[in-house]
C-alpha atoms as a PDB file:
ATOM      1  CA  MET A   1    -143.819 -95.236 161.443  1.00  0.00           C
ATOM      2  CA  LYS A   2    -140.429 -95.171 162.333  1.00  0.00           C
ATOM      3  CA  SER A   3    -139.875 -92.195 160.025  1.00  0.00           C
ATOM      4  CA  ILE A   4    -142.673 -90.341 161.475  1.00  0.00           C
ATOM      5  CA  GLY A   5    -141.132 -90.442 164.635  1.00  0.00           C
ATOM      6  CA  VAL A   6    -137.629 -89.234 163.554  1.00  0.00           C
ATOM      7  CA  VAL A   7    -139.416 -86.326 161.538  1.00  0.00           C
ATOM      8  CA  ALA A   8    -141.393 -85.218 164.636  1.00  0.00           C
ATOM      9  CA  ALA A   9    -138.223 -85.405 166.740  1.00  0.00           C
ATOM     10  CA  ALA A  10    -136.161 -83.454 164.174  1.00  0.00           C
ATOM     11  CA  ILE A  11    -139.244 -80.944 164.258  1.00  0.00           C
ATOM     12  CA  GLY A  12    -139.192 -80.752 167.956  1.00  0.00           C
ATOM     13  CA  VAL A  13    -135.387 -80.308 167.972  1.00  0.00           C
ATOM     14  CA  VAL A  14    -135.588 -77.245 165.475  1.00  0.00           C
ATOM     15  CA  VAL A  15    -138.451 -75.945 167.345  1.00  0.00           C
ATOM     16  CA  GLY A  16    -136.825 -75.855 170.741  1.00  0.00           C
ATOM     17  CA  ALA A  17    -133.531 -74.592 169.142  1.00  0.00           C
ATOM     18  CA  PHE A  18    -135.679 -71.746 167.549  1.00  0.00           C
ATOM     19  CA  VAL A  19    -137.286 -70.918 170.847  1.00  0.00           C
ATOM     20  CA  SER A  20    -134.211 -70.981 173.061  1.00  0.00           C
ATOM     21  CA  SER A  21    -132.456 -68.873 170.334  1.00  0.00           C
ATOM     22  CA  ILE A  22    -135.207 -66.306 170.415  1.00  0.00           C
ATOM     23  CA  THR A  23    -135.101 -66.293 174.314  1.00  0.00           C
ATOM     24  CA  ILE A  24    -131.396 -65.876 174.200  1.00  0.00           C
ATOM     25  CA  VAL A  25    -131.684 -62.900 171.813  1.00  0.00           C
ATOM     26  CA  VAL A  26    -134.234 -61.375 173.818  1.00  0.00           C
ATOM     27  CA  ASN A  27    -132.307 -61.399 177.031  1.00  0.00           C
ATOM     28  CA  GLY A  28    -129.064 -60.250 175.277  1.00  0.00           C
ATOM     29  CA  TRP A  29    -130.778 -57.330 173.747  1.00  0.00           C
ATOM     30  CA  ARG A  30    -132.408 -56.521 177.417  1.00  0.00           C
ATOM     31  CA  GLN A  31    -129.104 -56.857 178.948  1.00  0.00           C
ATOM     32  CA  ARG A  32    -127.590 -54.379 176.350  1.00  0.00           C
ATOM     33  CA  ILE A  33    -130.090 -51.754 177.199  1.00  0.00           C
ATOM     34  CA  ALA A  34    -129.632 -52.021 180.804  1.00  0.00           C
ATOM     35  CA  ASP A  35    -125.790 -51.954 180.152  1.00  0.00           C
ATOM     36  CA  THR A  36    -126.286 -48.883 178.328  1.00  0.00           C
ATOM     37  CA  LYS A  37    -128.466 -47.391 180.721  1.00  0.00           C
ATOM     38  CA  ARG A  38    -126.170 -48.118 183.642  1.00  0.00           C
ATOM     39  CA  HIS A  39    -123.141 -46.907 181.589  1.00  0.00           C
ATOM     40  CA  ARG A  40    -125.117 -43.430 180.844  1.00  0.00           C
ATOM     41  CA  ALA A  41    -126.071 -43.042 184.470  1.00  0.00           C
ATOM     42  CA  ASP A  42    -122.466 -43.721 185.661  1.00  0.00           C
ATOM     43  CA  THR A  43    -121.251 -40.937 183.280  1.00  0.00           C
ATOM     44  CA  GLU A  44    -123.541 -38.736 184.020  1.00  0.00           C
ATOM     45  CA  ALA A  45    -122.569 -39.232 188.264  1.00  0.00           C
ATOM     46  CA  ALA A  46    -118.971 -38.712 186.958  1.00  0.00           C
ATOM     47  CA  ASN A  47    -119.896 -35.387 185.261  1.00  0.00           C
ATOM     48  CA  VAL A  48    -121.724 -34.153 188.175  1.00  0.00           C
ATOM     49  CA  ARG A  49    -118.944 -35.501 190.617  1.00  0.00           C
ATOM     50  CA  HIS A  50    -116.349 -33.784 188.562  1.00  0.00           C
ATOM     51  CA  LEU A  51    -118.328 -30.318 188.343  1.00  0.00           C
ATOM     52  CA  ARG A  52    -118.776 -30.332 191.787  1.00  0.00           C
ATOM     53  CA  GLU A  53    -115.059 -31.015 192.362  1.00  0.00           C
ATOM     54  CA  LEU A  54    -114.295 -27.774 190.365  1.00  0.00           C
ATOM     55  CA  ALA A  55    -116.643 -25.635 191.845  1.00  0.00           C
ATOM     56  CA  LEU A  56    -114.972 -26.628 195.078  1.00  0.00           C
ATOM     57  CA  GLU A  57    -111.666 -25.843 193.563  1.00  0.00           C
ATOM     58  CA  ALA A  58    -113.006 -22.484 192.121  1.00  0.00           C
ATOM     59  CA  ALA A  59    -114.582 -21.632 195.405  1.00  0.00           C
ATOM     60  CA  ILE A  60    -111.291 -22.245 197.107  1.00  0.00           C
ATOM     61  CA  ALA A  61    -109.193 -20.115 194.526  1.00  0.00           C
ATOM     62  CA  ASP A  62    -111.836 -17.405 194.689  1.00  0.00           C
ATOM     63  CA  TRP A  63    -111.917 -17.293 198.561  1.00  0.00           C
ATOM     64  CA  LYS A  64    -108.160 -17.175 198.690  1.00  0.00           C
ATOM     65  CA  HIS A  65    -107.737 -14.338 196.112  1.00  0.00           C
ATOM     66  CA  HIS A  66    -110.365 -12.430 198.125  1.00  0.00           C
ATOM     67  CA  LEU A  67    -108.379 -13.006 201.520  1.00  0.00           C
ATOM     68  CA  ASP A  68    -104.981 -12.057 199.973  1.00  0.00           C
ATOM     69  CA  ALA A  69    -106.603  -8.929 198.349  1.00  0.00           C
ATOM     70  CA  ALA A  70    -108.325  -7.900 201.721  1.00  0.00           C
ATOM     71  CA  GLU A  71    -104.722  -8.524 203.464  1.00  0.00           C
ATOM     72  CA  LYS A  72    -102.945  -6.498 200.897  1.00  0.00           C
ATOM     73  CA  TRP A  73    -105.325  -3.665 201.181  1.00  0.00           C
ATOM     74  CA  THR A  74    -103.877  -0.216 201.998  1.00  0.00           C
ATOM     75  CA  PRO A  75    -106.333   2.897 202.601  1.00  0.00           C
ATOM     76  CA  SER A  76    -105.598   5.379 199.979  1.00  0.00           C
ATOM     77  CA  THR A  77    -106.107   9.218 200.318  1.00  0.00           C
ATOM     78  CA  HIS A  78    -109.867   9.289 200.412  1.00  0.00           C
ATOM     79  CA  GLN A  79    -110.221   6.103 202.359  1.00  0.00           C
ATOM     80  CA  ARG A  80    -109.965   5.316 206.203  1.00  0.00           C
ATOM     81  CA  GLU A  81    -108.736   2.156 207.913  1.00  0.00           C
ATOM     82  CA  THR A  82    -112.382   1.233 208.862  1.00  0.00           C
ATOM     83  CA  ASP A  83    -112.982   0.872 204.748  1.00  0.00           C
ATOM     84  CA  ARG A  84    -111.009  -2.176 204.782  1.00  0.00           C
ATOM     85  CA  PRO A  85    -112.788  -4.795 202.521  1.00  0.00           C
ATOM     86  CA  GLU A  86    -114.574  -7.561 204.538  1.00  0.00           C
ATOM     87  CA  VAL A  87    -114.204 -11.018 203.181  1.00  0.00           C
ATOM     88  CA  ASP A  88    -117.238 -13.219 202.940  1.00  0.00           C
ATOM     89  CA  PRO A  89    -117.154 -16.502 204.577  1.00  0.00           C
ATOM     90  CA  PHE A  90    -116.055 -19.492 202.578  1.00  0.00           C
ATOM     91  CA  ASP A  91    -119.385 -21.074 202.604  1.00  0.00           C
ATOM     92  CA  TYR A  92    -120.791 -18.439 200.767  1.00  0.00           C
ATOM     93  CA  PHE A  93    -118.279 -18.804 197.989  1.00  0.00           C
ATOM     94  CA  LEU A  94    -119.112 -22.628 197.601  1.00  0.00           C
ATOM     95  CA  ILE A  95    -122.801 -21.967 197.542  1.00  0.00           C
ATOM     96  CA  LYS A  96    -122.162 -19.392 194.994  1.00  0.00           C
ATOM     97  CA  LYS A  97    -120.109 -21.748 192.722  1.00  0.00           C
ATOM     98  CA  LEU A  98    -122.434 -24.730 193.161  1.00  0.00           C
ATOM     99  CA  LYS A  99    -125.483 -22.353 192.193  1.00  0.00           C
ATOM    100  CA  VAL A 100    -123.639 -21.482 188.983  1.00  0.00           C
ATOM    101  CA  ILE A 101    -123.073 -24.924 188.096  1.00  0.00           C
ATOM    102  CA  GLN A 102    -126.640 -25.840 188.824  1.00  0.00           C
ATOM    103  CA  THR A 103    -128.122 -22.876 187.008  1.00  0.00           C
ATOM    104  CA  PHE A 104    -125.773 -23.185 183.832  1.00  0.00           C
ATOM    105  CA  GLY A 105    -124.533 -26.720 183.913  1.00  0.00           C
ATOM    106  CA  ASP A 106    -127.613 -28.408 182.560  1.00  0.00           C
ATOM    107  CA  GLY A 107    -126.791 -27.945 178.976  1.00  0.00           C
ATOM    108  CA  THR A 108    -130.176 -26.360 177.998  1.00  0.00           C
ATOM    109  CA  ILE A 109    -129.168 -22.716 177.858  1.00  0.00           C
ATOM    110  CA  SER A 110    -130.114 -20.283 175.298  1.00  0.00           C
ATOM    111  CA  THR A 111    -129.445 -16.653 174.911  1.00  0.00           C
ATOM    112  CA  ALA A 112    -133.038 -15.645 175.753  1.00  0.00           C
ATOM    113  CA  ASP A 113    -133.025 -17.735 178.907  1.00  0.00           C
ATOM    114  CA  LEU A 114    -129.894 -16.110 180.283  1.00  0.00           C
ATOM    115  CA  PRO A 115    -131.398 -13.115 181.920  1.00  0.00           C
ATOM    116  CA  ARG A 116    -134.080 -15.128 183.594  1.00  0.00           C
ATOM    117  CA  ARG A 117    -131.222 -17.655 184.847  1.00  0.00           C
ATOM    118  CA  PHE A 118    -129.045 -14.818 186.155  1.00  0.00           C
ATOM    119  CA  ASP A 119    -131.877 -13.240 187.927  1.00  0.00           C
ATOM    120  CA  ASP A 120    -133.004 -16.605 189.633  1.00  0.00           C
ATOM    121  CA  MET A 121    -129.329 -17.115 190.590  1.00  0.00           C
ATOM    122  CA  LYS A 122    -129.121 -13.574 192.164  1.00  0.00           C
ATOM    123  CA  GLU A 123    -132.337 -13.977 193.986  1.00  0.00           C
ATOM    124  CA  PHE A 124    -131.311 -17.437 195.582  1.00  0.00           C
ATOM    125  CA  LEU A 125    -127.765 -16.019 196.556  1.00  0.00           C
ATOM    126  CA  ARG A 126    -129.165 -13.011 198.065  1.00  0.00           C
ATOM    127  CA  PHE A 127    -130.545 -14.998 201.241  1.00  0.00           C
ATOM    128  CA  PHE A 128    -127.009 -16.419 201.696  1.00  0.00           C
ATOM    129  CA  ARG A 129    -125.109 -13.123 201.456  1.00  0.00           C
ATOM    130  CA  PRO A 130    -123.648 -12.391 204.715  1.00  0.00           C
ATOM    131  CA  LYS A 131    -125.060  -9.620 206.768  1.00  0.00           C
ATOM    132  CA  ARG A 132    -122.582  -6.659 207.361  1.00  0.00           C
ATOM    133  CA  LYS A 133    -122.397  -3.953 209.770  1.00  0.00           C
ATOM    134  CA  SER A 134    -122.635  -0.537 208.510  1.00  0.00           C
ATOM    135  CA  ARG A 135    -119.325   0.949 207.867  1.00  0.00           C
ATOM    136  CA  ASN A 136    -120.271   4.393 208.358  1.00  0.00           C
ATOM    137  CA  THR A 137    -121.264   3.960 211.797  1.00  0.00           C
ATOM    138  CA  ASP A 138    -120.272   7.967 212.353  1.00  0.00           C
ATOM    139  CA  LEU A 139    -122.579   8.786 209.595  1.00  0.00           C
ATOM    140  CA  ASP A 140    -125.360   6.691 210.896  1.00  0.00           C
ATOM    141  CA  GLU A 141    -125.130   8.459 214.227  1.00  0.00           C
ATOM    142  CA  GLN A 142    -125.431  11.668 212.814  1.00  0.00           C
ATOM    143  CA  ASN A 143    -128.306  10.893 210.752  1.00  0.00           C
ATOM    144  CA  GLU A 144    -130.170   9.469 213.985  1.00  0.00           C
END
């Protein structure tokens, strides 16, 4: 009878070890999946943050370039001083760069999709374009 008790105890130990090892394997597998998802989300967040930083740097460079060009502008023989180019506010440059990243930065672009995306971007940016006074006020007065 003692031998049956020893065998039953041995079977209990083996079954317990098997069940606990299955639990450890399943929990390790779930943890690895969660870590992979977390790493992927962190990588995507870092990519988005990097793209936004690039958009900010590009907007600053583009805005400064337009400011410099407007400051260095001199009227030619067929232009008047009132034809001096106006520079859009910095906000417009930033919005434009962020919209470019949003439109083309998702990685799912195709040549057939380009015209639609450009049209969507232009339509969106049309609402943010600063309103300007007419440069030809003397012509406008003559036409009235």
